[in-house]
């Protein structure tokens, strides 16, 4: 399955089990595969049975590495109402089929903020059909992104350098920063809050927002006793949280489990999940196990599409952000990485133009032939902007032309589960 010898796997397992303490660092990529949640559940259980949870130098493993520190809990008030939530892999089907496919409504107007969905969601060609199916599309944007090209109205959104804000680590961290304005152009682009406030006023919606952005920021900070006030944070620029001891996840639960239950139904570390057992769903087993995935090495599709495509992040982008910034070009390596063995079978040489394709779409890009990737696997950095020609062949290198919009049973976004074929152009 993984190409690593059983002896090496056993040796690593024994080294990890014998080490005290040991931190199994899993990363996030395995969870972005079909049944990838099984991998992360198994990693957490390994950490538990080896005694590496709740101790200094250990690691819970299998999670998102988030820490509950440096976070502002309060946000802008939202009315208490029912929302029809769906998994992001189902958005295109919901837009195209609506009620006829069991979704809550037939969507005719799409309002998009903070999302280059066409580029970043799976199965881009289905995404095009979904956007075309809408009667009207509005988006907030700074640039003419692939998604914005399908919009009927583009409202110019302010860059984060054009308004005040509070910056916090995405997964938590012991600091907070104040984000100063670099521009005071009051007649230019507006923040999302300003746009929605103006729209509400024009629609006659009363009491939608009666505070300025500075007043909201001040209220957020005041809701957290450990945070400084807005004036202090603005003057100092940053605020760091002091800690007498290292932050260790679940330390209290391990040292005093009777008074500090784990956030599980039983209050304990659950190797066997009663909740999953009651589902009686073989795709979500009560104990994590390997399940062969669709579009994997055991799928019959491998006969026609024998290469497993993975789509890691680029050091030159934040997802699709910055792809259009010329100064970042020198940091990019947007070629298709493929093994020497796979390239040789196809008479492909380093630097050749190649087509990467499956039944969902086709990309034209440049090959990087290397011994740094295993046979049967190819890699192209995600986030490149979709740029099709008249035949629908993408020359921008957007990997989501090829990916399948199917979520894993427990919720994984399966961007690394994709079989393709590669040929010389």
Protein backbone atom coordinates (compact mmCIF):
# COMPACT_ATOMS: atom_id res chain seq x y z
CA UNK A 1 0.00 0.00 0.00
CA UNK A 2 2.63 2.56 1.07
CA UNK A 3 5.78 1.15 -0.54
CA UNK A 4 7.66 0.82 2.77
CA UNK A 5 8.94 -2.60 3.79
CA UNK A 6 7.23 -4.42 6.71
CA UNK A 7 10.59 -4.54 8.50
CA UNK A 8 10.95 -0.75 8.40
CA UNK A 9 7.39 -0.28 9.66
CA UNK A 10 7.99 -2.67 12.57
CA UNK A 11 11.27 -0.98 13.45
CA UNK A 12 9.64 2.46 13.53
CA UNK A 13 6.74 1.14 15.63
CA UNK A 14 9.12 -0.35 18.21
CA UNK A 15 11.22 2.83 18.36
CA UNK A 16 8.13 4.97 18.91
CA UNK A 17 6.70 2.63 21.55
CA UNK A 18 9.98 2.47 23.46
CA UNK A 19 10.82 6.17 23.42
CA UNK A 20 9.87 8.33 26.43
CA UNK A 21 8.54 10.86 25.62
CA UNK A 22 7.75 10.65 21.89
CA UNK A 23 5.87 12.98 19.58
CA UNK A 24 4.21 11.49 16.52
CA UNK A 25 3.80 14.45 14.14
CA UNK A 26 1.26 13.46 11.50
CA UNK A 27 0.59 16.63 9.53
CA UNK A 28 -2.77 17.19 7.86
CA UNK A 29 -2.35 15.74 4.36
CA UNK A 30 -3.37 12.13 5.16
CA UNK A 31 -6.71 13.44 6.40
CA UNK A 32 -7.34 14.97 3.00
CA UNK A 33 -7.87 11.54 1.49
CA UNK A 34 -10.76 9.10 1.29
CA UNK A 35 -11.15 7.54 4.75
CA UNK A 36 -8.27 9.72 5.91
CA UNK A 37 -10.00 10.21 9.25
CA UNK A 38 -9.04 6.61 10.04
CA UNK A 39 -5.36 7.59 9.84
CA UNK A 40 -5.77 10.47 12.28
CA UNK A 41 -7.90 8.45 14.70
CA UNK A 42 -5.25 5.72 14.66
CA UNK A 43 -2.48 8.25 15.30
CA UNK A 44 -4.30 9.60 18.36
CA UNK A 45 -4.80 6.08 19.69
CA UNK A 46 -1.09 5.31 19.22
CA UNK A 47 -0.28 8.40 21.28
CA UNK A 48 -2.71 7.21 23.96
CA UNK A 49 -1.55 3.60 24.27
CA UNK A 50 2.12 4.66 24.38
CA UNK A 51 1.42 7.13 27.19
CA UNK A 52 2.28 10.25 25.18
CA UNK A 53 -0.86 12.30 25.82
CA UNK A 54 -0.83 14.96 28.52
CA UNK A 55 2.92 14.85 29.15
CA UNK A 56 5.75 17.23 28.33
CA UNK A 57 7.45 16.17 25.09
CA UNK A 58 4.54 14.00 24.01
CA UNK A 59 1.91 14.84 21.45
CA UNK A 60 -1.76 13.99 21.02
CA UNK A 61 -1.14 13.24 17.32
CA UNK A 62 -3.77 13.02 14.63
CA UNK A 63 -5.32 16.43 15.35
CA UNK A 64 -5.07 19.92 13.91
CA UNK A 65 -2.51 21.15 16.46
CA UNK A 66 -4.90 23.86 17.67
CA UNK A 67 -4.34 25.31 21.11
CA UNK A 68 -6.94 27.12 23.16
CA UNK A 69 -4.96 30.29 23.80
CA UNK A 70 -4.84 33.74 22.27
CA UNK A 71 -8.35 33.44 20.88
CA UNK A 72 -11.14 35.95 21.06
CA UNK A 73 -14.31 34.01 21.65
CA UNK A 74 -16.84 36.72 20.85
CA UNK A 75 -17.74 37.67 17.30
CA UNK A 76 -20.34 39.84 15.62
CA UNK A 77 -23.82 38.80 16.73
CA UNK A 78 -25.74 36.58 14.32
CA UNK A 79 -29.51 36.06 14.59
CA UNK A 80 -30.66 32.72 15.97
CA UNK A 81 -32.05 30.99 12.89
CA UNK A 82 -31.93 27.68 11.08
CA UNK A 83 -29.14 27.33 8.54
CA UNK A 84 -29.03 24.68 5.86
CA UNK A 85 -25.46 23.49 6.22
CA UNK A 86 -23.95 21.11 3.70
CA UNK A 87 -20.47 19.67 3.23
CA UNK A 88 -18.33 21.71 0.85
CA UNK A 89 -17.97 18.70 -1.47
CA UNK A 90 -21.76 18.82 -2.01
CA UNK A 91 -22.05 22.51 -2.86
CA UNK A 92 -21.95 22.05 -6.62
CA UNK A 93 -24.58 19.29 -6.56
CA UNK A 94 -26.78 21.46 -4.33
CA UNK A 95 -26.51 24.38 -6.74
CA UNK A 96 -27.17 22.28 -9.84
CA UNK A 97 -29.88 19.91 -8.58
CA UNK A 98 -31.42 21.56 -5.50
CA UNK A 99 -34.62 20.00 -4.18
CA UNK A 100 -34.69 17.29 -6.87
CA UNK A 101 -31.59 15.80 -5.20
CA UNK A 102 -32.91 16.16 -1.66
CA UNK A 103 -31.37 19.53 -0.78
CA UNK A 104 -33.36 22.12 1.17
CA UNK A 105 -33.90 24.60 -1.64
CA UNK A 106 -33.32 25.51 -5.26
CA UNK A 107 -30.63 28.14 -5.19
CA UNK A 108 -30.85 30.84 -7.85
CA UNK A 109 -28.68 33.60 -6.34
CA UNK A 110 -25.17 32.99 -5.06
CA UNK A 111 -23.38 35.45 -2.77
CA UNK A 112 -19.67 34.68 -2.31
CA UNK A 113 -17.28 36.31 0.16
CA UNK A 114 -13.76 35.33 1.19
CA UNK A 115 -13.66 32.33 -1.13
CA UNK A 116 -12.21 31.51 -4.55
CA UNK A 117 -14.49 28.48 -4.63
CA UNK A 118 -14.21 27.58 -8.30
CA UNK A 119 -10.45 27.30 -8.02
CA UNK A 120 -10.24 25.67 -4.58
CA UNK A 121 -13.19 23.28 -4.38
CA UNK A 122 -12.99 19.82 -5.91
CA UNK A 123 -14.05 18.98 -9.49
CA UNK A 124 -13.75 22.38 -11.16
CA UNK A 125 -15.59 21.51 -14.36
CA UNK A 126 -18.68 20.56 -12.34
CA UNK A 127 -18.14 23.83 -10.50
CA UNK A 128 -18.40 25.75 -13.76
CA UNK A 129 -21.76 24.10 -14.47
CA UNK A 130 -22.90 24.98 -10.95
CA UNK A 131 -22.02 28.66 -11.34
CA UNK A 132 -23.56 28.85 -14.79
CA UNK A 133 -26.78 27.37 -13.36
CA UNK A 134 -27.28 30.42 -11.14
CA UNK A 135 -29.40 33.38 -12.22
CA UNK A 136 -27.23 35.89 -10.37
CA UNK A 137 -23.84 35.85 -8.63
CA UNK A 138 -22.33 38.53 -6.37
CA UNK A 139 -18.84 38.40 -4.92
CA UNK A 140 -16.51 40.58 -2.85
CA UNK A 141 -13.04 40.61 -4.39
CA UNK A 142 -9.74 42.41 -4.75
CA UNK A 143 -8.79 40.67 -8.01
CA UNK A 144 -10.46 39.07 -11.01
CA UNK A 145 -10.07 35.52 -9.74
CA UNK A 146 -11.39 32.45 -11.59
CA UNK A 147 -14.51 32.60 -9.40
CA UNK A 148 -14.99 36.34 -9.86
CA UNK A 149 -15.04 35.89 -13.65
CA UNK A 150 -18.42 34.18 -13.26
CA UNK A 151 -19.92 36.95 -11.10
CA UNK A 152 -22.58 39.40 -12.34
CA UNK A 153 -21.52 41.97 -9.73
CA UNK A 154 -18.07 42.26 -8.15
CA UNK A 155 -18.03 44.51 -5.09
CA UNK A 156 -14.48 45.82 -4.51
CA UNK A 157 -13.38 44.48 -1.13
CA UNK A 158 -10.84 46.29 1.01
CA UNK A 159 -7.43 44.72 1.47
CA UNK A 160 -6.48 44.00 5.09
CA UNK A 161 -4.03 46.90 4.78
CA UNK A 162 -7.01 49.23 4.27
CA UNK A 163 -8.82 48.73 7.60
CA UNK A 164 -8.07 48.19 11.27
CA UNK A 165 -8.28 44.67 12.62
CA UNK A 166 -6.93 42.26 15.23
CA UNK A 167 -4.66 39.48 14.02
CA UNK A 168 -4.60 36.13 15.79
CA UNK A 169 -2.76 32.87 15.07
CA UNK A 170 -5.01 30.66 12.99
CA UNK A 171 -4.57 27.60 15.21
CA UNK A 172 -4.02 29.57 18.39
CA UNK A 173 -0.85 30.96 19.92
CA UNK A 174 0.50 33.10 22.78
CA UNK A 175 0.21 36.47 21.04
CA UNK A 176 -2.14 38.91 19.33
CA UNK A 177 -1.26 41.73 16.96
CA UNK A 178 -2.98 44.96 16.02
CA UNK A 179 -3.31 45.39 12.27
CA UNK A 180 -2.89 49.04 11.38
CA UNK A 181 -4.27 50.73 8.31
CA UNK A 182 -1.70 51.50 5.64
CA UNK A 183 -4.21 53.51 3.60
CA UNK A 184 -6.91 56.01 4.63
CA UNK A 185 -8.79 56.12 1.32
CA UNK A 186 -12.38 56.51 2.56
CA UNK A 187 -13.92 56.48 -0.93
CA UNK A 188 -12.28 53.26 -2.10
CA UNK A 189 -12.97 49.57 -1.43
CA UNK A 190 -14.91 48.69 1.71
CA UNK A 191 -14.60 45.91 4.28
CA UNK A 192 -17.13 43.08 4.26
CA UNK A 193 -18.85 44.58 7.31
CA UNK A 194 -19.14 48.00 5.65
CA UNK A 195 -20.56 46.43 2.48
CA UNK A 196 -23.17 44.39 4.35
CA UNK A 197 -24.09 47.38 6.53
CA UNK A 198 -24.73 49.53 3.45
CA UNK A 199 -26.74 46.80 1.73
CA UNK A 200 -28.88 46.34 4.85
CA UNK A 201 -29.57 50.07 4.99
CA UNK A 202 -30.61 50.17 1.33
CA UNK A 203 -32.87 47.15 1.86
CA UNK A 204 -34.56 48.83 4.81
CA UNK A 205 -33.25 46.35 7.39
CA UNK A 206 -33.20 48.27 10.66
CA UNK A 207 -30.67 47.80 13.49
CA UNK A 208 -28.47 45.57 11.34
CA UNK A 209 -25.27 47.18 12.59
CA UNK A 210 -25.04 50.23 14.83
CA UNK A 211 -21.33 50.06 15.66
CA UNK A 212 -18.18 51.12 13.91
CA UNK A 213 -15.44 48.58 13.26
CA UNK A 214 -13.37 50.12 16.06
CA UNK A 215 -16.27 49.73 18.48
CA UNK A 216 -16.62 46.08 17.51
CA UNK A 217 -12.89 45.49 18.05
CA UNK A 218 -13.04 47.17 21.45
CA UNK A 219 -16.00 45.01 22.47
CA UNK A 220 -14.21 41.82 21.36
CA UNK A 221 -11.17 42.65 23.48
CA UNK A 222 -13.25 43.64 26.49
CA UNK A 223 -15.01 40.26 26.39
CA UNK A 224 -11.71 38.52 27.23
CA UNK A 225 -10.31 39.60 30.64
CA UNK A 226 -6.77 38.49 29.75
CA UNK A 227 -6.60 40.78 26.70
CA UNK A 228 -5.51 44.44 26.75
CA UNK A 229 -7.83 47.25 25.72
CA UNK A 230 -7.97 48.47 22.14
CA UNK A 231 -5.96 51.65 22.79
CA UNK A 232 -3.18 49.72 24.53
CA UNK A 233 -3.02 47.05 21.80
CA UNK A 234 -3.01 49.70 19.08
CA UNK A 235 -0.21 51.69 20.75
CA UNK A 236 1.98 48.66 21.46
CA UNK A 237 1.23 46.77 18.25
CA UNK A 238 1.42 43.35 19.90
CA UNK A 239 0.42 41.57 23.07
CA UNK A 240 2.12 38.42 24.36
CA UNK A 241 0.63 36.06 26.91
CA UNK A 242 2.89 35.06 29.79
CA UNK A 243 3.01 31.45 30.95
CA UNK A 244 4.64 30.03 34.03
CA UNK A 245 4.63 26.52 32.55
CA UNK A 246 4.55 24.99 29.06
CA UNK A 247 1.13 24.47 27.52
CA UNK A 248 0.46 20.72 27.44
CA UNK A 249 -2.75 19.48 25.87
CA UNK A 250 -4.92 17.34 28.20
CA UNK A 251 -2.45 17.57 31.08
CA UNK A 252 -5.27 18.05 33.58
CA UNK A 253 -7.25 15.15 32.16
CA UNK A 254 -4.30 12.78 32.56
CA UNK A 255 -3.26 13.98 36.03
CA UNK A 256 -6.78 14.26 37.47
CA UNK A 257 -9.26 12.49 35.16
CA UNK A 258 -12.02 12.36 37.78
CA UNK A 259 -12.41 16.14 37.80
CA UNK A 260 -11.29 16.82 34.23
CA UNK A 261 -13.13 14.65 31.71
CA UNK A 262 -12.04 14.46 28.09
CA UNK A 263 -14.40 16.11 25.55
CA UNK A 264 -15.84 12.74 24.49
CA UNK A 265 -19.24 11.11 25.23
CA UNK A 266 -17.67 8.95 27.93
CA UNK A 267 -15.30 11.61 29.25
CA UNK A 268 -12.41 9.24 28.56
CA UNK A 269 -9.96 8.58 25.73
CA UNK A 270 -12.05 6.39 23.44
CA UNK A 271 -10.18 3.70 21.56
CA UNK A 272 -13.53 2.05 20.83
CA UNK A 273 -16.32 4.53 20.02
CA UNK A 274 -19.81 3.54 21.17
CA UNK A 275 -21.24 6.42 19.16
CA UNK A 276 -19.69 5.11 15.94
CA UNK A 277 -20.68 1.54 16.81
CA UNK A 278 -24.34 2.60 17.04
CA UNK A 279 -24.13 3.99 13.49
CA UNK A 280 -23.52 0.47 12.18
CA UNK A 281 -21.75 2.04 9.21
CA UNK A 282 -18.75 0.00 7.99
CA UNK A 283 -17.21 3.16 6.53
CA UNK A 284 -17.05 4.69 10.05
CA UNK A 285 -15.90 1.77 12.22
CA UNK A 286 -15.84 2.03 16.02
CA UNK A 287 -12.10 1.21 16.02
CA UNK A 288 -10.01 2.88 13.29
CA UNK A 289 -8.79 0.59 10.55
CA UNK A 290 -7.47 0.71 7.01
CA UNK A 291 -10.23 0.97 4.40
CA UNK A 292 -9.30 0.83 0.72
CA UNK A 293 -10.25 4.14 -0.87
CA UNK A 294 -11.87 4.98 -4.12
CA UNK A 295 -9.33 6.22 -6.69
CA UNK A 296 -6.57 4.48 -4.78
CA UNK A 297 -4.12 1.70 -5.65
CA UNK A 298 -6.83 -0.97 -5.27
CA UNK A 299 -9.43 0.76 -7.46
CA UNK A 300 -10.11 -0.74 -10.90
CA UNK A 301 -9.62 2.77 -12.34
CA UNK A 302 -5.90 2.29 -11.86
CA UNK A 303 -5.88 0.35 -15.15
CA UNK A 304 -6.64 3.56 -17.06
CA UNK A 305 -5.30 6.12 -14.60
CA UNK A 306 -2.31 4.51 -12.84
CA UNK A 307 -0.83 7.61 -11.14
CA UNK A 308 -1.90 8.83 -7.70
CA UNK A 309 -1.95 12.64 -7.74
CA UNK A 310 -1.26 14.59 -4.55
CA UNK A 311 -1.67 18.35 -4.24
CA UNK A 312 0.49 19.91 -1.49
CA UNK A 313 0.64 23.58 -0.58
CA UNK A 314 3.05 25.95 -2.30
CA UNK A 315 5.50 28.07 -0.35
CA UNK A 316 4.58 30.91 -2.73
CA UNK A 317 0.85 30.92 -2.01
CA UNK A 318 -1.75 30.71 0.75
CA UNK A 319 -4.10 28.35 -1.06
CA UNK A 320 -4.86 30.42 -4.19
CA UNK A 321 -3.90 33.77 -2.66
CA UNK A 322 -0.77 35.44 -4.08
CA UNK A 323 -0.75 33.32 -7.26
CA UNK A 324 -1.16 36.51 -9.31
CA UNK A 325 1.63 38.40 -7.52
CA UNK A 326 4.68 38.57 -9.78
CA UNK A 327 7.18 39.09 -6.98
CA UNK A 328 6.29 35.62 -5.65
CA UNK A 329 7.20 33.87 -8.90
CA UNK A 330 10.74 33.11 -7.77
CA UNK A 331 9.41 31.04 -4.86
CA UNK A 332 7.19 28.84 -7.02
CA UNK A 333 7.82 25.35 -8.30
CA UNK A 334 4.54 24.66 -10.05
CA UNK A 335 5.80 21.85 -12.24
CA UNK A 336 4.40 18.34 -12.08
CA UNK A 337 6.75 16.18 -10.02
CA UNK A 338 6.99 12.62 -11.33
CA UNK A 339 9.38 9.75 -10.76
CA UNK A 340 12.22 8.80 -13.09
CA UNK A 341 10.58 5.39 -13.59
CA UNK A 342 7.17 6.79 -14.55
CA UNK A 343 8.75 9.37 -16.85
CA UNK A 344 10.87 6.73 -18.58
CA UNK A 345 7.82 4.60 -19.36
CA UNK A 346 6.28 7.61 -21.13
CA UNK A 347 9.41 8.97 -22.83
CA UNK A 348 9.08 12.13 -20.76
CA UNK A 349 12.19 14.16 -19.97
CA UNK A 350 12.72 16.85 -17.36
CA UNK A 351 11.21 20.11 -18.60
CA UNK A 352 8.89 18.53 -21.18
CA UNK A 353 5.34 19.80 -21.54
CA UNK A 354 2.93 17.11 -20.39
CA UNK A 355 -0.80 16.59 -20.10
CA UNK A 356 -2.21 15.32 -16.80
CA UNK A 357 -5.75 14.03 -17.22
CA UNK A 358 -8.63 11.84 -16.17
CA UNK A 359 -12.32 11.71 -17.10
CA UNK A 360 -12.95 15.00 -15.25
CA UNK A 361 -10.43 17.25 -16.99
CA UNK A 362 -6.98 17.89 -18.41
CA UNK A 363 -4.02 20.08 -17.39
CA UNK A 364 -1.09 21.17 -19.55
CA UNK A 365 2.03 21.78 -17.47
CA UNK A 366 5.79 21.18 -17.29
CA UNK A 367 7.31 17.97 -15.93
CA UNK A 368 9.90 17.83 -13.19
CA UNK A 369 11.48 14.37 -13.38
CA UNK A 370 13.03 13.56 -10.01
CA UNK A 371 14.08 10.78 -7.65
CA UNK A 372 12.39 12.69 -4.81
CA UNK A 373 9.00 11.11 -5.45
CA UNK A 374 8.05 7.43 -5.50
CA UNK A 375 6.87 5.60 -8.64
CA UNK A 376 3.12 5.62 -9.12
CA UNK A 377 2.73 9.05 -7.51
CA UNK A 378 2.81 12.56 -9.01
CA UNK A 379 2.56 15.91 -7.26
CA UNK A 380 1.46 19.37 -8.31
CA UNK A 381 1.11 22.31 -5.91
CA UNK A 382 -2.49 23.35 -5.35
CA UNK A 383 -3.75 26.92 -5.70
CA UNK A 384 -2.63 27.74 -9.24
CA UNK A 385 -5.28 29.83 -11.00
CA UNK A 386 -7.47 28.10 -13.55
CA UNK A 387 -6.66 29.29 -17.10
CA UNK A 388 -8.41 27.20 -19.78
CA UNK A 389 -8.01 27.36 -23.54
CA UNK A 390 -10.87 27.06 -26.05
CA UNK A 391 -10.78 23.25 -25.74
CA UNK A 392 -11.09 23.34 -21.95
CA UNK A 393 -7.47 22.32 -21.31
CA UNK A 394 -6.19 24.20 -18.27
CA UNK A 395 -2.81 25.90 -18.73
CA UNK A 396 -2.84 27.45 -15.26
CA UNK A 397 -2.04 24.19 -13.47
CA UNK A 398 -5.21 24.10 -11.33
CA UNK A 399 -5.23 20.64 -9.74
CA UNK A 400 -8.96 20.77 -9.01
CA UNK A 401 -9.71 20.24 -12.68
CA UNK A 402 -8.83 16.62 -11.82
CA UNK A 403 -10.10 16.04 -8.28
CA UNK A 404 -13.41 14.36 -7.38
CA UNK A 405 -16.04 16.19 -5.32
CA UNK A 406 -16.74 13.37 -2.91
CA UNK A 407 -16.35 13.76 0.83
CA UNK A 408 -15.06 11.05 3.10
CA UNK A 409 -17.74 9.46 5.36
CA UNK A 410 -16.56 11.27 8.51
CA UNK A 411 -16.07 14.59 6.71
CA UNK A 412 -12.62 14.65 5.13
CA UNK A 413 -12.05 16.92 2.13
CA UNK A 414 -10.51 14.36 -0.24
CA UNK A 415 -8.18 16.54 -2.32
CA UNK A 416 -5.39 13.94 -2.23
CA UNK A 417 -7.54 11.08 -3.54
CA UNK A 418 -7.22 11.37 -7.30
CA UNK A 419 -6.06 9.01 -10.06
CA UNK A 420 -4.64 10.44 -13.28
CA UNK A 421 -2.71 9.51 -16.39
CA UNK A 422 0.24 11.51 -17.74
CA UNK A 423 1.32 11.80 -21.36
CA UNK A 424 3.83 13.83 -23.30
CA UNK A 425 2.15 16.79 -25.04
